[in-house]
Amino acid sequence: FAQEVPAAFARLGTHGPDMALLDLHAS
């Protein structure tokens, strides 16, 4: 999409205070 039109892709924080610090694709 970003190759076709001006784009903005951002990171949405999802880590909560009582959650383990995991990466994407963690089980």
mmCIF file of all heavy atoms, coordinates in Angstrom:
data_MODEL
# 
_entry.id   MODEL 
# 
loop_
_atom_site.group_PDB 
_atom_site.id 
_atom_site.type_symbol 
_atom_site.label_atom_id 
_atom_site.label_alt_id 
_atom_site.label_comp_id 
_atom_site.label_asym_id 
_atom_site.label_entity_id 
_atom_site.label_seq_id 
_atom_site.pdbx_PDB_ins_code 
_atom_site.Cartn_x 
_atom_site.Cartn_y 
_atom_site.Cartn_z 
_atom_site.occupancy 
_atom_site.B_iso_or_equiv 
_atom_site.pdbx_formal_charge 
_atom_site.auth_seq_id 
_atom_site.auth_comp_id 
_atom_site.auth_asym_id 
_atom_site.auth_atom_id 
_atom_site.pdbx_PDB_model_num 
ATOM 1   N N   . PHE A 1 1  ? 0.837  -1.199  0.000  1.00 0.00 ? 1  PHE A N   1 
ATOM 2   C CA  . PHE A 1 1  ? 0.000  0.000   0.000  1.00 0.00 ? 1  PHE A CA  1 
ATOM 3   C C   . PHE A 1 1  ? 0.873  1.251   0.000  1.00 0.00 ? 1  PHE A C   1 
ATOM 4   O O   . PHE A 1 1  ? 0.595  2.232   -0.696 1.00 0.00 ? 1  PHE A O   1 
ATOM 5   C CB  . PHE A 1 1  ? -0.924 0.015   1.215  1.00 0.00 ? 1  PHE A CB  1 
ATOM 6   C CG  . PHE A 1 1  ? -1.891 -1.134  1.284  1.00 0.00 ? 1  PHE A CG  1 
ATOM 7   C CD1 . PHE A 1 1  ? -1.950 -1.950  2.400  1.00 0.00 ? 1  PHE A CD1 1 
ATOM 8   C CD2 . PHE A 1 1  ? -2.754 -1.402  0.230  1.00 0.00 ? 1  PHE A CD2 1 
ATOM 9   C CE1 . PHE A 1 1  ? -2.847 -3.000  2.477  1.00 0.00 ? 1  PHE A CE1 1 
ATOM 10  C CE2 . PHE A 1 1  ? -3.656 -2.452  0.290  1.00 0.00 ? 1  PHE A CE2 1 
ATOM 11  C CZ  . PHE A 1 1  ? -3.705 -3.258  1.422  1.00 0.00 ? 1  PHE A CZ  1 
ATOM 12  N N   . ALA A 1 2  ? 1.937  1.196   0.812  1.00 0.00 ? 2  ALA A N   1 
ATOM 13  C CA  . ALA A 1 2  ? 2.813  2.359   0.947  1.00 0.00 ? 2  ALA A CA  1 
ATOM 14  C C   . ALA A 1 2  ? 3.582  2.660   -0.331 1.00 0.00 ? 2  ALA A C   1 
ATOM 15  O O   . ALA A 1 2  ? 4.075  3.781   -0.507 1.00 0.00 ? 2  ALA A O   1 
ATOM 16  C CB  . ALA A 1 2  ? 3.786  2.143   2.109  1.00 0.00 ? 2  ALA A CB  1 
ATOM 17  N N   . GLN A 1 3  ? 3.718  1.681   -1.217 1.00 0.00 ? 3  GLN A N   1 
ATOM 18  C CA  . GLN A 1 3  ? 4.351  1.943   -2.509 1.00 0.00 ? 3  GLN A CA  1 
ATOM 19  C C   . GLN A 1 3  ? 3.412  2.662   -3.470 1.00 0.00 ? 3  GLN A C   1 
ATOM 20  O O   . GLN A 1 3  ? 3.859  3.272   -4.442 1.00 0.00 ? 3  GLN A O   1 
ATOM 21  C CB  . GLN A 1 3  ? 4.815  0.635   -3.146 1.00 0.00 ? 3  GLN A CB  1 
ATOM 22  C CG  . GLN A 1 3  ? 6.070  0.049   -2.519 1.00 0.00 ? 3  GLN A CG  1 
ATOM 23  C CD  . GLN A 1 3  ? 6.749  -0.955  -3.433 1.00 0.00 ? 3  GLN A CD  1 
ATOM 24  O OE1 . GLN A 1 3  ? 6.111  -1.627  -4.239 1.00 0.00 ? 3  GLN A OE1 1 
ATOM 25  N NE2 . GLN A 1 3  ? 8.064  -1.064  -3.313 1.00 0.00 ? 3  GLN A NE2 1 
ATOM 26  N N   . GLU A 1 4  ? 2.108  2.603   -3.187 1.00 0.00 ? 4  GLU A N   1 
ATOM 27  C CA  . GLU A 1 4  ? 1.111  3.170   -4.095 1.00 0.00 ? 4  GLU A CA  1 
ATOM 28  C C   . GLU A 1 4  ? 0.653  4.566   -3.683 1.00 0.00 ? 4  GLU A C   1 
ATOM 29  O O   . GLU A 1 4  ? 0.415  5.421   -4.547 1.00 0.00 ? 4  GLU A O   1 
ATOM 30  C CB  . GLU A 1 4  ? -0.108 2.241   -4.171 1.00 0.00 ? 4  GLU A CB  1 
ATOM 31  C CG  . GLU A 1 4  ? 0.194  0.842   -4.673 1.00 0.00 ? 4  GLU A CG  1 
ATOM 32  C CD  . GLU A 1 4  ? 0.605  0.822   -6.136 1.00 0.00 ? 4  GLU A CD  1 
ATOM 33  O OE1 . GLU A 1 4  ? 0.077  1.644   -6.909 1.00 0.00 ? 4  GLU A OE1 1 
ATOM 34  O OE2 . GLU A 1 4  ? 1.448  -0.016  -6.504 1.00 0.00 ? 4  GLU A OE2 1 
ATOM 35  N N   . VAL A 1 5  ? 0.489  4.784   -2.370 1.00 0.00 ? 5  VAL A N   1 
ATOM 36  C CA  . VAL A 1 5  ? 0.004  6.078   -1.875 1.00 0.00 ? 5  VAL A CA  1 
ATOM 37  C C   . VAL A 1 5  ? 0.790  6.446   -0.622 1.00 0.00 ? 5  VAL A C   1 
ATOM 38  O O   . VAL A 1 5  ? 1.359  5.575   0.045  1.00 0.00 ? 5  VAL A O   1 
ATOM 39  C CB  . VAL A 1 5  ? -1.510 6.028   -1.556 1.00 0.00 ? 5  VAL A CB  1 
ATOM 40  C CG1 . VAL A 1 5  ? -2.331 5.744   -2.804 1.00 0.00 ? 5  VAL A CG1 1 
ATOM 41  C CG2 . VAL A 1 5  ? -1.807 5.010   -0.462 1.00 0.00 ? 5  VAL A CG2 1 
ATOM 42  N N   . PRO A 1 6  ? 0.833  7.730   -0.254 1.00 0.00 ? 6  PRO A N   1 
ATOM 43  C CA  . PRO A 1 6  ? 1.497  8.120   0.992  1.00 0.00 ? 6  PRO A CA  1 
ATOM 44  C C   . PRO A 1 6  ? 0.891  7.362   2.168  1.00 0.00 ? 6  PRO A C   1 
ATOM 45  O O   . PRO A 1 6  ? -0.326 7.223   2.278  1.00 0.00 ? 6  PRO A O   1 
ATOM 46  C CB  . PRO A 1 6  ? 1.212  9.623   1.084  1.00 0.00 ? 6  PRO A CB  1 
ATOM 47  C CG  . PRO A 1 6  ? 1.020  10.050  -0.333 1.00 0.00 ? 6  PRO A CG  1 
ATOM 48  C CD  . PRO A 1 6  ? 0.332  8.900   -1.010 1.00 0.00 ? 6  PRO A CD  1 
ATOM 49  N N   . ALA A 1 7  ? 1.756  6.891   3.062  1.00 0.00 ? 7  ALA A N   1 
ATOM 50  C CA  . ALA A 1 7  ? 1.308  5.984   4.117  1.00 0.00 ? 7  ALA A CA  1 
ATOM 51  C C   . ALA A 1 7  ? 1.960  6.307   5.446  1.00 0.00 ? 7  ALA A C   1 
ATOM 52  O O   . ALA A 1 7  ? 3.052  6.884   5.500  1.00 0.00 ? 7  ALA A O   1 
ATOM 53  C CB  . ALA A 1 7  ? 1.617  4.534   3.729  1.00 0.00 ? 7  ALA A CB  1 
ATOM 54  N N   . ALA A 1 8  ? 1.275  5.897   6.515  1.00 0.00 ? 8  ALA A N   1 
ATOM 55  C CA  . ALA A 1 8  ? 1.837  5.961   7.869  1.00 0.00 ? 8  ALA A CA  1 
ATOM 56  C C   . ALA A 1 8  ? 1.474  4.683   8.591  1.00 0.00 ? 8  ALA A C   1 
ATOM 57  O O   . ALA A 1 8  ? 0.298  4.314   8.687  1.00 0.00 ? 8  ALA A O   1 
ATOM 58  C CB  . ALA A 1 8  ? 1.305  7.169   8.624  1.00 0.00 ? 8  ALA A CB  1 
ATOM 59  N N   . PHE A 1 9  ? 2.484  4.002   9.092  1.00 0.00 ? 9  PHE A N   1 
ATOM 60  C CA  . PHE A 1 9  ? 2.344  2.747   9.820  1.00 0.00 ? 9  PHE A CA  1 
ATOM 61  C C   . PHE A 1 9  ? 2.971  2.958   11.185 1.00 0.00 ? 9  PHE A C   1 
ATOM 62  O O   . PHE A 1 9  ? 4.133  3.376   11.272 1.00 0.00 ? 9  PHE A O   1 
ATOM 63  C CB  . PHE A 1 9  ? 3.080  1.652   9.050  1.00 0.00 ? 9  PHE A CB  1 
ATOM 64  C CG  . PHE A 1 9  ? 2.732  0.238   9.442  1.00 0.00 ? 9  PHE A CG  1 
ATOM 65  C CD1 . PHE A 1 9  ? 1.420  -0.187  9.482  1.00 0.00 ? 9  PHE A CD1 1 
ATOM 66  C CD2 . PHE A 1 9  ? 3.744  -0.682  9.724  1.00 0.00 ? 9  PHE A CD2 1 
ATOM 67  C CE1 . PHE A 1 9  ? 1.107  -1.503  9.798  1.00 0.00 ? 9  PHE A CE1 1 
ATOM 68  C CE2 . PHE A 1 9  ? 3.440  -1.986  10.039 1.00 0.00 ? 9  PHE A CE2 1 
ATOM 69  C CZ  . PHE A 1 9  ? 2.118  -2.406  10.078 1.00 0.00 ? 9  PHE A CZ  1 
ATOM 70  N N   . ALA A 1 10 ? 2.220  2.735   12.245 1.00 0.00 ? 10 ALA A N   1 
ATOM 71  C CA  . ALA A 1 10 ? 2.714  3.026   13.590 1.00 0.00 ? 10 ALA A CA  1 
ATOM 72  C C   . ALA A 1 10 ? 2.558  1.820   14.495 1.00 0.00 ? 10 ALA A C   1 
ATOM 73  O O   . ALA A 1 10 ? 1.826  0.869   14.185 1.00 0.00 ? 10 ALA A O   1 
ATOM 74  C CB  . ALA A 1 10 ? 1.973  4.227   14.179 1.00 0.00 ? 10 ALA A CB  1 
ATOM 75  N N   . ARG A 1 11 ? 3.262  1.861   15.635 1.00 0.00 ? 11 ARG A N   1 
ATOM 76  C CA  . ARG A 1 11 ? 3.244  0.773   16.608 1.00 0.00 ? 11 ARG A CA  1 
ATOM 77  C C   . ARG A 1 11 ? 2.315  1.119   17.766 1.00 0.00 ? 11 ARG A C   1 
ATOM 78  O O   . ARG A 1 11 ? 2.462  2.168   18.403 1.00 0.00 ? 11 ARG A O   1 
ATOM 79  C CB  . ARG A 1 11 ? 4.653  0.535   17.152 1.00 0.00 ? 11 ARG A CB  1 
ATOM 80  C CG  . ARG A 1 11 ? 5.700  0.260   16.072 1.00 0.00 ? 11 ARG A CG  1 
ATOM 81  C CD  . ARG A 1 11 ? 5.485  -1.061  15.399 1.00 0.00 ? 11 ARG A CD  1 
ATOM 82  N NE  . ARG A 1 11 ? 6.540  -1.377  14.453 1.00 0.00 ? 11 ARG A NE  1 
ATOM 83  C CZ  . ARG A 1 11 ? 6.501  -2.397  13.606 1.00 0.00 ? 11 ARG A CZ  1 
ATOM 84  N NH1 . ARG A 1 11 ? 5.440  -3.183  13.583 1.00 0.00 ? 11 ARG A NH1 1 
ATOM 85  N NH2 . ARG A 1 11 ? 7.493  -2.620  12.774 1.00 0.00 ? 11 ARG A NH2 1 
ATOM 86  N N   . LEU A 1 12 ? 1.386  0.210   18.044 1.00 0.00 ? 12 LEU A N   1 
ATOM 87  C CA  . LEU A 1 12 ? 0.407  0.387   19.111 1.00 0.00 ? 12 LEU A CA  1 
ATOM 88  C C   . LEU A 1 12 ? 0.855  -0.411  20.330 1.00 0.00 ? 12 LEU A C   1 
ATOM 89  O O   . LEU A 1 12 ? 0.899  -1.643  20.295 1.00 0.00 ? 12 LEU A O   1 
ATOM 90  C CB  . LEU A 1 12 ? -0.967 -0.102  18.631 1.00 0.00 ? 12 LEU A CB  1 
ATOM 91  C CG  . LEU A 1 12 ? -2.122 -0.052  19.632 1.00 0.00 ? 12 LEU A CG  1 
ATOM 92  C CD1 . LEU A 1 12 ? -2.439 1.397   20.012 1.00 0.00 ? 12 LEU A CD1 1 
ATOM 93  C CD2 . LEU A 1 12 ? -3.346 -0.744  19.053 1.00 0.00 ? 12 LEU A CD2 1 
ATOM 94  N N   . GLY A 1 13 ? 1.208  0.286   21.401 1.00 0.00 ? 13 GLY A N   1 
ATOM 95  C CA  . GLY A 1 13 ? 1.656  -0.397  22.609 1.00 0.00 ? 13 GLY A CA  1 
ATOM 96  C C   . GLY A 1 13 ? 0.569  -1.286  23.192 1.00 0.00 ? 13 GLY A C   1 
ATOM 97  O O   . GLY A 1 13 ? -0.570 -0.839  23.368 1.00 0.00 ? 13 GLY A O   1 
ATOM 98  N N   . THR A 1 14 ? 0.915  -2.534  23.498 1.00 0.00 ? 14 THR A N   1 
ATOM 99  C CA  . THR A 1 14 ? -0.077 -3.489  24.021 1.00 0.00 ? 14 THR A CA  1 
ATOM 100 C C   . THR A 1 14 ? 0.386  -4.184  25.295 1.00 0.00 ? 14 THR A C   1 
ATOM 101 O O   . THR A 1 14 ? -0.296 -5.071  25.802 1.00 0.00 ? 14 THR A O   1 
ATOM 102 C CB  . THR A 1 14 ? -0.398 -4.576  22.968 1.00 0.00 ? 14 THR A CB  1 
ATOM 103 O OG1 . THR A 1 14 ? 0.799  -5.297  22.646 1.00 0.00 ? 14 THR A OG1 1 
ATOM 104 C CG2 . THR A 1 14 ? -0.984 -3.963  21.706 1.00 0.00 ? 14 THR A CG2 1 
ATOM 105 N N   . HIS A 1 15 ? 1.536  -3.792  25.835 1.00 0.00 ? 15 HIS A N   1 
ATOM 106 C CA  . HIS A 1 15 ? 2.069  -4.459  27.022 1.00 0.00 ? 15 HIS A CA  1 
ATOM 107 C C   . HIS A 1 15 ? 1.406  -3.910  28.281 1.00 0.00 ? 15 HIS A C   1 
ATOM 108 O O   . HIS A 1 15 ? 1.425  -2.701  28.530 1.00 0.00 ? 15 HIS A O   1 
ATOM 109 C CB  . HIS A 1 15 ? 3.582  -4.269  27.102 1.00 0.00 ? 15 HIS A CB  1 
ATOM 110 C CG  . HIS A 1 15 ? 4.195  -4.891  28.321 1.00 0.00 ? 15 HIS A CG  1 
ATOM 111 N ND1 . HIS A 1 15 ? 4.692  -4.144  29.368 1.00 0.00 ? 15 HIS A ND1 1 
ATOM 112 C CD2 . HIS A 1 15 ? 4.365  -6.188  28.665 1.00 0.00 ? 15 HIS A CD2 1 
ATOM 113 C CE1 . HIS A 1 15 ? 5.159  -4.953  30.303 1.00 0.00 ? 15 HIS A CE1 1 
ATOM 114 N NE2 . HIS A 1 15 ? 4.962  -6.191  29.902 1.00 0.00 ? 15 HIS A NE2 1 
ATOM 115 N N   . GLY A 1 16 ? 0.804  -4.789  29.056 1.00 0.00 ? 16 GLY A N   1 
ATOM 116 C CA  . GLY A 1 16 ? 0.145  -4.395  30.295 1.00 0.00 ? 16 GLY A CA  1 
ATOM 117 C C   . GLY A 1 16 ? 1.029  -4.553  31.505 1.00 0.00 ? 16 GLY A C   1 
ATOM 118 O O   . GLY A 1 16 ? 2.057  -5.245  31.463 1.00 0.00 ? 16 GLY A O   1 
ATOM 119 N N   . PRO A 1 17 ? 0.667  -3.952  32.624 1.00 0.00 ? 17 PRO A N   1 
ATOM 120 C CA  . PRO A 1 17 ? 1.530  -3.942  33.816 1.00 0.00 ? 17 PRO A CA  1 
ATOM 121 C C   . PRO A 1 17 ? 1.772  -5.314  34.421 1.00 0.00 ? 17 PRO A C   1 
ATOM 122 O O   . PRO A 1 17 ? 2.800  -5.521  35.061 1.00 0.00 ? 17 PRO A O   1 
ATOM 123 C CB  . PRO A 1 17 ? 0.766  -3.022  34.785 1.00 0.00 ? 17 PRO A CB  1 
ATOM 124 C CG  . PRO A 1 17 ? -0.645 -3.041  34.304 1.00 0.00 ? 17 PRO A CG  1 
ATOM 125 C CD  . PRO A 1 17 ? -0.567 -3.170  32.818 1.00 0.00 ? 17 PRO A CD  1 
ATOM 126 N N   . ASP A 1 18 ? 0.849  -6.251  34.241 1.00 0.00 ? 18 ASP A N   1 
ATOM 127 C CA  . ASP A 1 18 ? 1.011  -7.580  34.848 1.00 0.00 ? 18 ASP A CA  1 
ATOM 128 C C   . ASP A 1 18 ? 1.320  -8.646  33.811 1.00 0.00 ? 18 ASP A C   1 
ATOM 129 O O   . ASP A 1 18 ? 1.143  -9.849  34.060 1.00 0.00 ? 18 ASP A O   1 
ATOM 130 C CB  . ASP A 1 18 ? -0.278 -7.965  35.603 1.00 0.00 ? 18 ASP A CB  1 
ATOM 131 C CG  . ASP A 1 18 ? -0.593 -6.991  36.724 1.00 0.00 ? 18 ASP A CG  1 
ATOM 132 O OD1 . ASP A 1 18 ? 0.358  -6.551  37.404 1.00 0.00 ? 18 ASP A OD1 1 
ATOM 133 O OD2 . ASP A 1 18 ? -1.784 -6.657  36.909 1.00 0.00 ? 18 ASP A OD2 1 
ATOM 134 N N   . MET A 1 19 ? 1.806  -8.232  32.637 1.00 0.00 ? 19 MET A N   1 
ATOM 135 C CA  . MET A 1 19 ? 2.057  -9.166  31.547 1.00 0.00 ? 19 MET A CA  1 
ATOM 136 C C   . MET A 1 19 ? 3.549  -9.402  31.371 1.00 0.00 ? 19 MET A C   1 
ATOM 137 O O   . MET A 1 19 ? 4.364  -8.508  31.591 1.00 0.00 ? 19 MET A O   1 
ATOM 138 C CB  . MET A 1 19 ? 1.464  -8.628  30.240 1.00 0.00 ? 19 MET A CB  1 
ATOM 139 C CG  . MET A 1 19 ? -0.041 -8.381  30.287 1.00 0.00 ? 19 MET A CG  1 
ATOM 140 S SD  . MET A 1 19 ? -0.663 -7.584  28.785 1.00 0.00 ? 19 MET A SD  1 
ATOM 141 C CE  . MET A 1 19 ? -0.399 -8.895  27.595 1.00 0.00 ? 19 MET A CE  1 
ATOM 142 N N   . ALA A 1 20 ? 3.895  -10.624 30.955 1.00 0.00 ? 20 ALA A N   1 
ATOM 143 C CA  . ALA A 1 20 ? 5.284  -10.909 30.609 1.00 0.00 ? 20 ALA A CA  1 
ATOM 144 C C   . ALA A 1 20 ? 5.656  -10.118 29.367 1.00 0.00 ? 20 ALA A C   1 
ATOM 145 O O   . ALA A 1 20 ? 4.807  -9.830  28.518 1.00 0.00 ? 20 ALA A O   1 
ATOM 146 C CB  . ALA A 1 20 ? 5.463  -12.402 30.351 1.00 0.00 ? 20 ALA A CB  1 
ATOM 147 N N   . LEU A 1 21 ? 6.927  -9.755  29.256 1.00 0.00 ? 21 LEU A N   1 
ATOM 148 C CA  . LEU A 1 21 ? 7.395  -8.986  28.111 1.00 0.00 ? 21 LEU A CA  1 
ATOM 149 C C   . LEU A 1 21 ? 7.735  -9.964  26.986 1.00 0.00 ? 21 LEU A C   1 
ATOM 150 O O   . LEU A 1 21 ? 8.830  -10.524 26.929 1.00 0.00 ? 21 LEU A O   1 
ATOM 151 C CB  . LEU A 1 21 ? 8.619  -8.153  28.486 1.00 0.00 ? 21 LEU A CB  1 
ATOM 152 C CG  . LEU A 1 21 ? 9.018  -7.053  27.494 1.00 0.00 ? 21 LEU A CG  1 
ATOM 153 C CD1 . LEU A 1 21 ? 7.901  -6.029  27.344 1.00 0.00 ? 21 LEU A CD1 1 
ATOM 154 C CD2 . LEU A 1 21 ? 10.297 -6.367  27.949 1.00 0.00 ? 21 LEU A CD2 1 
ATOM 155 N N   . LEU A 1 22 ? 6.772  -10.198 26.103 1.00 0.00 ? 22 LEU A N   1 
ATOM 156 C CA  . LEU A 1 22 ? 6.913  -11.169 25.030 1.00 0.00 ? 22 LEU A CA  1 
ATOM 157 C C   . LEU A 1 22 ? 7.083  -10.481 23.684 1.00 0.00 ? 22 LEU A C   1 
ATOM 158 O O   . LEU A 1 22 ? 6.813  -9.292  23.538 1.00 0.00 ? 22 LEU A O   1 
ATOM 159 C CB  . LEU A 1 22 ? 5.684  -12.082 24.982 1.00 0.00 ? 22 LEU A CB  1 
ATOM 160 C CG  . LEU A 1 22 ? 5.393  -12.902 26.237 1.00 0.00 ? 22 LEU A CG  1 
ATOM 161 C CD1 . LEU A 1 22 ? 4.047  -13.608 26.096 1.00 0.00 ? 22 LEU A CD1 1 
ATOM 162 C CD2 . LEU A 1 22 ? 6.508  -13.912 26.476 1.00 0.00 ? 22 LEU A CD2 1 
ATOM 163 N N   . ASP A 1 23 ? 7.477  -11.255 22.698 1.00 0.00 ? 23 ASP A N   1 
ATOM 164 C CA  . ASP A 1 23 ? 7.561  -10.749 21.342 1.00 0.00 ? 23 ASP A CA  1 
ATOM 165 C C   . ASP A 1 23 ? 6.335  -11.216 20.566 1.00 0.00 ? 23 ASP A C   1 
ATOM 166 O O   . ASP A 1 23 ? 5.587  -12.098 21.013 1.00 0.00 ? 23 ASP A O   1 
ATOM 167 C CB  . ASP A 1 23 ? 8.832  -11.264 20.662 1.00 0.00 ? 23 ASP A CB  1 
ATOM 168 C CG  . ASP A 1 23 ? 9.232  -10.417 19.460 1.00 0.00 ? 23 ASP A CG  1 
ATOM 169 O OD1 . ASP A 1 23 ? 8.486  -9.485  19.102 1.00 0.00 ? 23 ASP A OD1 1 
ATOM 170 O OD2 . ASP A 1 23 ? 10.298 -10.696 18.871 1.00 0.00 ? 23 ASP A OD2 1 
ATOM 171 N N   . LEU A 1 24 ? 6.119  -10.628 19.388 1.00 0.00 ? 24 LEU A N   1 
ATOM 172 C CA  . LEU A 1 24 ? 5.117  -11.137 18.476 1.00 0.00 ? 24 LEU A CA  1 
ATOM 173 C C   . LEU A 1 24 ? 5.441  -12.580 18.115 1.00 0.00 ? 24 LEU A C   1 
ATOM 174 O O   . LEU A 1 24 ? 6.603  -12.996 18.114 1.00 0.00 ? 24 LEU A O   1 
ATOM 175 C CB  . LEU A 1 24 ? 5.084  -10.287 17.201 1.00 0.00 ? 24 LEU A CB  1 
ATOM 176 C CG  . LEU A 1 24 ? 4.705  -8.812  17.388 1.00 0.00 ? 24 LEU A CG  1 
ATOM 177 C CD1 . LEU A 1 24 ? 5.007  -8.027  16.116 1.00 0.00 ? 24 LEU A CD1 1 
ATOM 178 C CD2 . LEU A 1 24 ? 3.250  -8.665  17.784 1.00 0.00 ? 24 LEU A CD2 1 
ATOM 179 N N   . HIS A 1 25 ? 4.432  -13.357 17.822 1.00 0.00 ? 25 HIS A N   1 
ATOM 180 C CA  . HIS A 1 25 ? 4.542  -14.770 17.440 1.00 0.00 ? 25 HIS A CA  1 
ATOM 181 C C   . HIS A 1 25 ? 4.901  -15.664 18.627 1.00 0.00 ? 25 HIS A C   1 
ATOM 182 O O   . HIS A 1 25 ? 5.212  -16.838 18.432 1.00 0.00 ? 25 HIS A O   1 
ATOM 183 C CB  . HIS A 1 25 ? 5.542  -14.981 16.305 1.00 0.00 ? 25 HIS A CB  1 
ATOM 184 C CG  . HIS A 1 25 ? 5.128  -14.337 15.005 1.00 0.00 ? 25 HIS A CG  1 
ATOM 185 N ND1 . HIS A 1 25 ? 5.594  -14.758 13.778 1.00 0.00 ? 25 HIS A ND1 1 
ATOM 186 C CD2 . HIS A 1 25 ? 4.286  -13.305 14.741 1.00 0.00 ? 25 HIS A CD2 1 
ATOM 187 C CE1 . HIS A 1 25 ? 5.067  -14.006 12.817 1.00 0.00 ? 25 HIS A CE1 1 
ATOM 188 N NE2 . HIS A 1 25 ? 4.272  -13.113 13.385 1.00 0.00 ? 25 HIS A NE2 1 
ATOM 189 N N   . ALA A 1 26 ? 4.866  -15.148 19.834 1.00 0.00 ? 26 ALA A N   1 
ATOM 190 C CA  . ALA A 1 26 ? 5.072  -15.987 21.013 1.00 0.00 ? 26 ALA A CA  1 
ATOM 191 C C   . ALA A 1 26 ? 3.801  -16.803 21.264 1.00 0.00 ? 26 ALA A C   1 
ATOM 192 O O   . ALA A 1 26 ? 2.685  -16.330 21.036 1.00 0.00 ? 26 ALA A O   1 
ATOM 193 C CB  . ALA A 1 26 ? 5.401  -15.135 22.227 1.00 0.00 ? 26 ALA A CB  1 
ATOM 194 N N   . SER A 1 27 ? 3.971  -18.024 21.764 1.00 0.00 ? 27 SER A N   1 
ATOM 195 C CA  . SER A 1 27 ? 2.824  -18.920 21.940 1.00 0.00 ? 27 SER A CA  1 
ATOM 196 C C   . SER A 1 27 ? 1.861  -18.443 23.023 1.00 0.00 ? 27 SER A C   1 
ATOM 197 O O   . SER A 1 27 ? 0.699  -18.859 23.047 1.00 0.00 ? 27 SER A O   1 
ATOM 198 C CB  . SER A 1 27 ? 3.317  -20.329 22.276 1.00 0.00 ? 27 SER A CB  1 
ATOM 199 O OG  . SER A 1 27 ? 4.103  -20.314 23.453 1.00 0.00 ? 27 SER A OG  1 
# 
